[in-house]
Amino acid sequence: MFLKLTNIHDIHSGETVILNSSNIVAIRRGKKTPESEEEATFIFMPPHGTWQVKETPEEIYKTLKKKL
């Protein structure tokens, strides 16, 4: 199953990213950078690394539940 999310990394902010949910190891919410007040959701997907997306973990879980 694939998830369509919104990238918020500085270089690609606002672009759509499609992630394979089978590769997700962890999802957590936190500050985009240590000095930032902006929040981001971090999705860890080895071997690709970590993606920063706009959607909250709750929104992602809700989407995953709908697709099951």
Protein backbone atom coordinates (compact mmCIF):
# COMPACT_ATOMS: atom_id res chain seq x y z
CA MET A 1 0.00 0.00 0.00
CA PHE A 2 1.28 3.45 -0.88
CA LEU A 3 0.76 6.70 1.03
CA LYS A 4 0.54 10.08 -0.69
CA LEU A 5 2.00 12.69 1.68
CA THR A 6 3.34 16.26 1.59
CA ASN A 7 7.09 16.72 1.89
CA ILE A 8 8.15 19.61 4.17
CA HIS A 9 11.92 19.29 3.95
CA ASP A 10 13.33 22.73 3.11
CA ILE A 11 14.59 21.74 -0.34
CA HIS A 12 11.37 20.01 -1.47
CA SER A 13 8.73 21.67 0.70
CA GLY A 14 5.19 21.31 -0.64
CA GLU A 15 6.01 18.54 -3.10
CA THR A 16 4.07 15.28 -3.06
CA VAL A 17 5.91 12.17 -1.92
CA ILE A 18 4.62 8.63 -2.38
CA LEU A 19 5.86 6.16 0.25
CA ASN A 20 5.44 2.39 0.41
CA SER A 21 3.87 1.73 3.81
CA SER A 22 5.47 -1.74 3.95
CA ASN A 23 8.88 -0.10 4.45
CA ILE A 24 7.90 2.16 7.39
CA VAL A 25 9.75 1.28 10.58
CA ALA A 26 8.81 4.26 12.77
CA ILE A 27 6.69 7.41 12.73
CA ARG A 28 7.16 10.26 15.20
CA ARG A 29 6.26 13.94 15.52
CA GLY A 30 8.72 16.64 16.55
CA LYS A 31 10.34 19.95 15.70
CA LYS A 32 11.47 20.25 12.10
CA THR A 33 14.89 21.42 13.34
CA PRO A 34 16.17 21.91 16.91
CA GLU A 35 15.84 25.70 16.62
CA SER A 36 12.52 25.67 14.74
CA GLU A 37 9.03 26.04 16.17
CA GLU A 38 7.58 24.29 13.11
CA GLU A 39 6.44 20.70 13.67
CA ALA A 40 7.05 17.82 11.27
CA THR A 41 6.31 14.12 11.16
CA PHE A 42 9.39 11.98 10.66
CA ILE A 43 8.96 8.66 8.85
CA PHE A 44 11.93 6.29 9.11
CA MET A 45 12.18 3.97 6.10
CA PRO A 46 15.44 2.07 5.67
CA PRO A 47 17.39 2.01 3.43
CA HIS A 48 16.01 5.35 2.21
CA GLY A 49 16.43 7.26 5.46
CA THR A 50 13.95 9.60 7.09
CA TRP A 51 11.23 11.63 5.39
CA GLN A 52 9.80 14.86 6.84
CA VAL A 53 6.11 15.25 6.05
CA LYS A 54 3.34 17.70 6.93
CA GLU A 55 0.69 15.15 7.91
CA THR A 56 0.44 14.17 11.59
CA PRO A 57 0.95 10.57 12.74
CA GLU A 58 -2.79 10.44 13.52
CA GLU A 59 -3.65 11.43 9.93
CA ILE A 60 -1.24 8.81 8.59
CA TYR A 61 -2.67 6.06 10.86
CA LYS A 62 -6.21 7.02 9.82
CA THR A 63 -5.26 6.76 6.14
CA LEU A 64 -3.61 3.37 6.73
CA LYS A 65 -6.71 2.09 8.54
CA LYS A 66 -8.98 3.14 5.65
CA LYS A 67 -6.83 1.27 3.14
CA LEU A 68 -6.79 -2.02 5.09
